[in-house]
Protein backbone atom coordinates (compact mmCIF):
# COMPACT_ATOMS: atom_id res chain seq x y z
CA MET A 1 5.30 43.13 10.98
CA LYS A 2 5.61 40.82 7.98
CA LEU A 3 8.81 39.37 9.44
CA LYS A 4 7.08 38.67 12.76
CA ALA A 5 4.15 37.01 10.98
CA ALA A 6 6.48 34.89 8.86
CA LEU A 7 8.48 33.87 11.92
CA SER A 8 5.30 32.86 13.74
CA PHE A 9 4.20 30.81 10.74
CA TYR A 10 7.47 28.85 10.61
CA ILE A 11 7.42 28.20 14.36
CA ILE A 12 3.86 26.85 14.14
CA PHE A 13 4.75 24.81 11.05
CA PHE A 14 7.80 23.30 12.75
CA CYS A 15 5.76 22.41 15.83
CA LEU A 16 3.09 20.75 13.70
CA VAL A 17 5.65 18.73 11.75
CA SER A 18 7.40 17.67 14.96
CA TYR A 19 4.10 16.70 16.58
CA THR A 20 3.01 14.76 13.48
CA SER A 21 6.32 12.88 13.38
CA PHE A 22 6.07 12.02 17.09
CA ALA A 23 2.42 10.96 16.71
CA GLN A 24 3.32 8.72 13.77
CA ARG A 25 6.00 7.00 15.85
CA GLU A 26 3.67 6.54 18.81
CA ALA A 27 1.08 4.95 16.53
CA ARG A 28 3.64 2.66 14.88
CA PRO A 29 4.10 -0.87 16.30
CA PHE A 30 7.14 -1.51 18.52
CA TRP A 31 7.67 2.15 19.44
CA SER A 32 8.17 1.25 23.11
CA GLU A 33 10.96 -1.17 22.15
CA ILE A 34 12.59 1.46 19.96
CA GLN A 35 12.41 4.00 22.78
CA ALA A 36 14.17 1.54 25.07
CA PHE A 37 16.93 1.07 22.48
CA MET A 38 17.30 4.83 22.07
CA LYS A 39 17.58 5.32 25.82
CA GLU A 40 20.20 2.59 26.06
CA ASP A 41 22.15 4.08 23.17
CA SER A 42 22.06 7.55 24.73
CA LEU A 43 23.49 6.20 27.99
CA ASN A 44 26.01 3.88 26.33
CA PRO A 45 26.59 4.88 22.70
CA PRO A 46 27.81 1.92 20.62
CA PRO A 47 31.49 2.26 19.64
CA ALA A 48 32.57 2.17 16.00
CA SER A 49 33.95 -1.31 16.67
CA ALA A 50 30.47 -2.70 17.41
CA THR A 51 28.58 -5.12 15.19
CA LEU A 52 24.87 -4.43 14.80
CA PHE A 53 22.35 -7.26 14.54
CA VAL A 54 19.03 -5.72 13.55
CA GLY A 55 15.68 -7.05 12.36
CA SER A 56 12.78 -9.11 13.59
CA SER A 57 12.17 -11.63 16.38
CA SER A 58 14.64 -14.18 15.01
CA PHE A 59 17.32 -11.79 16.29
CA ARG A 60 15.30 -10.51 19.25
CA LEU A 61 15.06 -14.04 20.66
CA TRP A 62 18.76 -14.72 20.13
CA ASN A 63 19.32 -13.67 23.73
CA ASN A 64 22.84 -15.04 24.10
CA LEU A 65 24.03 -13.66 20.78
CA GLN A 66 27.22 -12.27 22.28
CA ASP A 67 28.20 -15.76 23.47
CA TYR A 68 28.07 -17.03 19.88
CA PHE A 69 30.45 -14.31 18.66
CA PRO A 70 32.80 -13.61 21.59
CA GLU A 71 35.37 -11.93 19.36
CA LEU A 72 32.84 -9.25 18.33
CA ASN A 73 31.21 -6.43 20.25
CA ILE A 74 27.55 -7.24 19.56
CA VAL A 75 24.63 -4.82 19.73
CA ASN A 76 21.32 -6.68 19.30
CA ARG A 77 18.48 -4.53 17.97
CA GLY A 78 16.00 -7.23 17.03
CA PHE A 79 12.44 -6.08 17.71
CA GLY A 80 8.98 -7.41 17.14
CA GLY A 81 7.64 -9.46 15.04
CA SER A 82 8.77 -6.51 12.94
CA THR A 83 8.78 -6.13 9.18
CA LEU A 84 11.31 -4.67 6.80
CA SER A 85 8.91 -1.76 6.50
CA ASP A 86 9.17 -1.22 10.26
CA LEU A 87 12.96 -1.34 10.06
CA VAL A 88 12.97 1.30 7.32
CA PHE A 89 10.75 3.48 9.49
CA TYR A 90 12.96 3.17 12.57
CA ALA A 91 16.36 3.05 10.86
CA ASP A 92 17.15 6.67 11.66
CA SER A 93 16.48 5.95 15.33
CA ILE A 94 18.53 2.79 15.89
CA VAL A 95 20.78 2.19 12.87
CA THR A 96 22.00 5.34 11.15
CA PRO A 97 22.98 7.46 14.19
CA PHE A 98 26.10 5.33 14.66
CA GLN A 99 29.11 3.98 12.80
CA TRP A 100 29.29 0.19 12.78
CA LYS A 101 31.99 -2.36 12.05
CA TYR A 102 29.43 -4.75 10.57
CA ILE A 103 25.66 -4.66 10.10
CA VAL A 104 23.75 -7.96 10.06
CA ILE A 105 20.07 -7.92 9.04
CA TYR A 106 17.27 -10.44 9.33
CA SER A 107 14.05 -8.90 8.07
CA GLY A 108 11.55 -9.42 5.27
CA GLU A 109 9.90 -12.70 6.26
CA ASN A 110 7.04 -11.04 8.10
CA ASP A 111 6.33 -8.62 5.26
CA LEU A 112 5.50 -11.51 2.95
CA VAL A 113 3.40 -13.25 5.61
CA TYR A 114 1.41 -10.30 6.91
CA ASP A 115 0.46 -8.98 3.47
CA PRO A 116 -0.40 -11.75 0.98
CA ASN A 117 -0.75 -9.16 -1.80
CA LEU A 118 2.78 -7.88 -1.34
CA GLU A 119 5.02 -8.94 -4.19
CA PRO A 120 8.54 -10.21 -3.40
CA SER A 121 9.88 -7.48 -5.68
CA GLU A 122 8.23 -4.89 -3.42
CA VAL A 123 10.13 -6.27 -0.44
CA VAL A 124 13.33 -5.88 -2.46
CA ASN A 125 12.33 -2.23 -2.90
CA LEU A 126 11.98 -1.93 0.88
CA PHE A 127 15.49 -3.36 1.24
CA ASN A 128 16.75 -0.70 -1.18
CA ARG A 129 15.09 2.03 0.89
CA LEU A 130 16.80 0.66 3.99
CA MET A 131 20.18 0.54 2.28
CA PHE A 132 19.77 4.11 1.08
CA LEU A 133 19.41 5.19 4.71
CA VAL A 134 22.24 2.97 5.94
CA ARG A 135 24.69 4.19 3.33
CA LYS A 136 24.19 7.83 4.26
CA THR A 137 26.10 7.29 7.50
CA ASN A 138 27.81 3.94 6.90
CA PRO A 139 28.95 4.14 3.27
CA GLN A 140 31.68 1.48 3.56
CA THR A 141 30.39 -0.72 6.38
CA PRO A 142 29.97 -4.36 5.31
CA VAL A 143 26.27 -5.28 5.43
CA PHE A 144 25.21 -8.93 5.69
CA TYR A 145 21.61 -9.70 4.79
CA CYS A 146 20.31 -13.08 5.91
CA SER A 147 17.91 -14.89 3.62
CA ILE A 148 14.44 -15.75 4.81
CA LYS A 149 14.48 -18.96 6.83
CA PRO A 150 12.15 -21.95 6.13
CA SER A 151 9.94 -21.91 9.25
CA PRO A 152 7.91 -25.17 9.37
CA ILE A 153 4.74 -23.38 10.50
CA ARG A 154 4.94 -21.14 7.44
CA LYS A 155 5.29 -23.92 4.91
CA GLN A 156 2.47 -22.45 2.82
CA PHE A 157 4.62 -19.39 2.14
CA SER A 158 7.66 -21.35 0.95
CA ARG A 159 7.16 -20.50 -2.71
CA ARG A 160 7.05 -16.77 -1.93
CA PHE A 161 10.06 -17.07 0.35
CA VAL A 162 12.15 -18.88 -2.27
CA GLN A 163 11.15 -16.37 -4.93
CA TYR A 164 12.17 -13.50 -2.69
CA ASN A 165 15.44 -15.15 -1.67
CA ASN A 166 16.37 -15.59 -5.32
CA LEU A 167 15.50 -11.98 -6.13
CA ILE A 168 17.32 -10.45 -3.20
CA SER A 169 20.36 -12.69 -3.64
CA ASN A 170 20.80 -11.66 -7.27
CA HIS A 171 20.23 -8.04 -6.36
CA ILE A 172 22.72 -7.99 -3.50
CA ASP A 173 25.36 -9.51 -5.77
CA GLN A 174 25.39 -6.18 -7.60
CA LEU A 175 25.88 -4.04 -4.49
CA PRO A 176 29.26 -3.05 -3.03
CA ASN A 177 30.11 -4.14 0.52
CA THR A 178 26.78 -5.95 0.77
CA PHE A 179 26.52 -9.72 1.16
CA TYR A 180 23.76 -12.32 1.02
CA VAL A 181 23.92 -14.97 3.75
CA ASP A 182 21.99 -18.13 2.87
CA VAL A 183 20.27 -19.45 5.99
CA TRP A 184 17.56 -21.25 4.01
CA ASN A 185 19.48 -24.25 2.74
CA ILE A 186 21.27 -24.97 6.01
CA LEU A 187 17.87 -25.44 7.71
CA THR A 188 16.27 -27.68 5.09
CA SER A 189 16.46 -31.41 4.38
CA LYS A 190 17.37 -33.00 1.07
CA ASP A 191 13.74 -32.75 -0.04
CA GLU A 192 13.87 -29.01 0.71
CA GLN A 193 11.60 -29.22 3.75
CA ALA A 194 12.37 -27.31 6.94
CA GLU A 195 14.07 -29.47 9.55
CA SER A 196 11.94 -29.19 12.71
CA VAL A 197 14.91 -30.24 14.87
CA PHE A 198 16.31 -26.70 14.47
CA PHE A 199 13.16 -24.92 15.67
CA LEU A 200 11.36 -24.25 18.92
CA ALA A 201 7.98 -25.81 19.71
CA ASP A 202 6.29 -22.89 17.94
CA SER A 203 7.84 -24.13 14.65
CA LEU A 204 8.69 -20.52 13.84
CA HIS A 205 11.73 -19.48 15.83
CA LEU A 206 15.11 -21.16 16.06
CA ASN A 207 16.41 -23.20 18.97
CA GLU A 208 20.05 -23.48 20.03
CA LYS A 209 20.80 -25.99 17.28
CA GLY A 210 19.35 -23.66 14.66
CA TYR A 211 21.26 -20.67 15.95
CA SER A 212 24.46 -22.73 15.95
CA LEU A 213 23.98 -23.26 12.21
CA TRP A 214 23.45 -19.54 11.75
CA LYS A 215 26.60 -18.83 13.71
CA ASN A 216 28.64 -21.18 11.53
CA GLU A 217 27.29 -19.56 8.37
CA LEU A 218 27.82 -16.00 9.59
CA ASN A 219 31.34 -16.81 10.76
CA LYS A 220 32.28 -17.25 7.11
CA TYR A 221 31.74 -13.49 6.74
CA LEU A 222 32.29 -11.87 10.13
CA LYS A 223 36.07 -11.97 10.22
C-alpha cells in the first residue's frame, strides 16, 4: 500500500514538474521560434561538422549567412530580439543537444538595453552560465563570442557597451577554446562613433556592408 502511494506521489510530482517546465517555456518570449528550430532539428539533425551561429536579431537577420561562409555548414539559430538570458534559458533546446564544429555567439547587447539596472558584470555571469551548459556537451568545441556592436540608435548605451566589452574580453582570454571577436572597432570611425554606412535605416541592424566586415573578422578564426 505504501509502495503504491509513493509511486502515485512520484508520478504526480513528475507531471507537475513537466507541466511547470512546459508552462514556463510557453510564457517565455520567442518560444514559437524555438519550437520551429526544434522541429527543424528533429527532421534534419545538424551534423557534427556544422557551425552554429546563435544569438539575437543581428544573426537572425543575416539571412544569407551561408553565402558568406561557403566553406562551412552553417546552422543559423538567431532569434528575437533575444537576450543572453533568453539564450541561457533555451540553450538545452537548440545548442546543447548537438555536437558542433564551431559555435559563434552574438548576444548580450539587448540585456544591457532592456534593463538599465543590469550591471555589465551580471551579463558576464550570464555568459558563464551559458558556457557551463555548452561545455557539458561540447567540451572542446571552439566558441567565438562577438563583442557588442556600436549601433547608432543606441549611442546612449555606448559607455555600458564598452565597459562590458572590456570585461568580457578579459574574461574570455582566460577560458580554453573560447575566443573574443571584436566587432566594435571595425564598425566605428576614428572618433569612436558608429559608422552609419554599415547599418540599415533602423540604425540598429547591419546592412550588407556591415555583415561583410563581420565576415572578414570572423574569417580570421573560422578556419
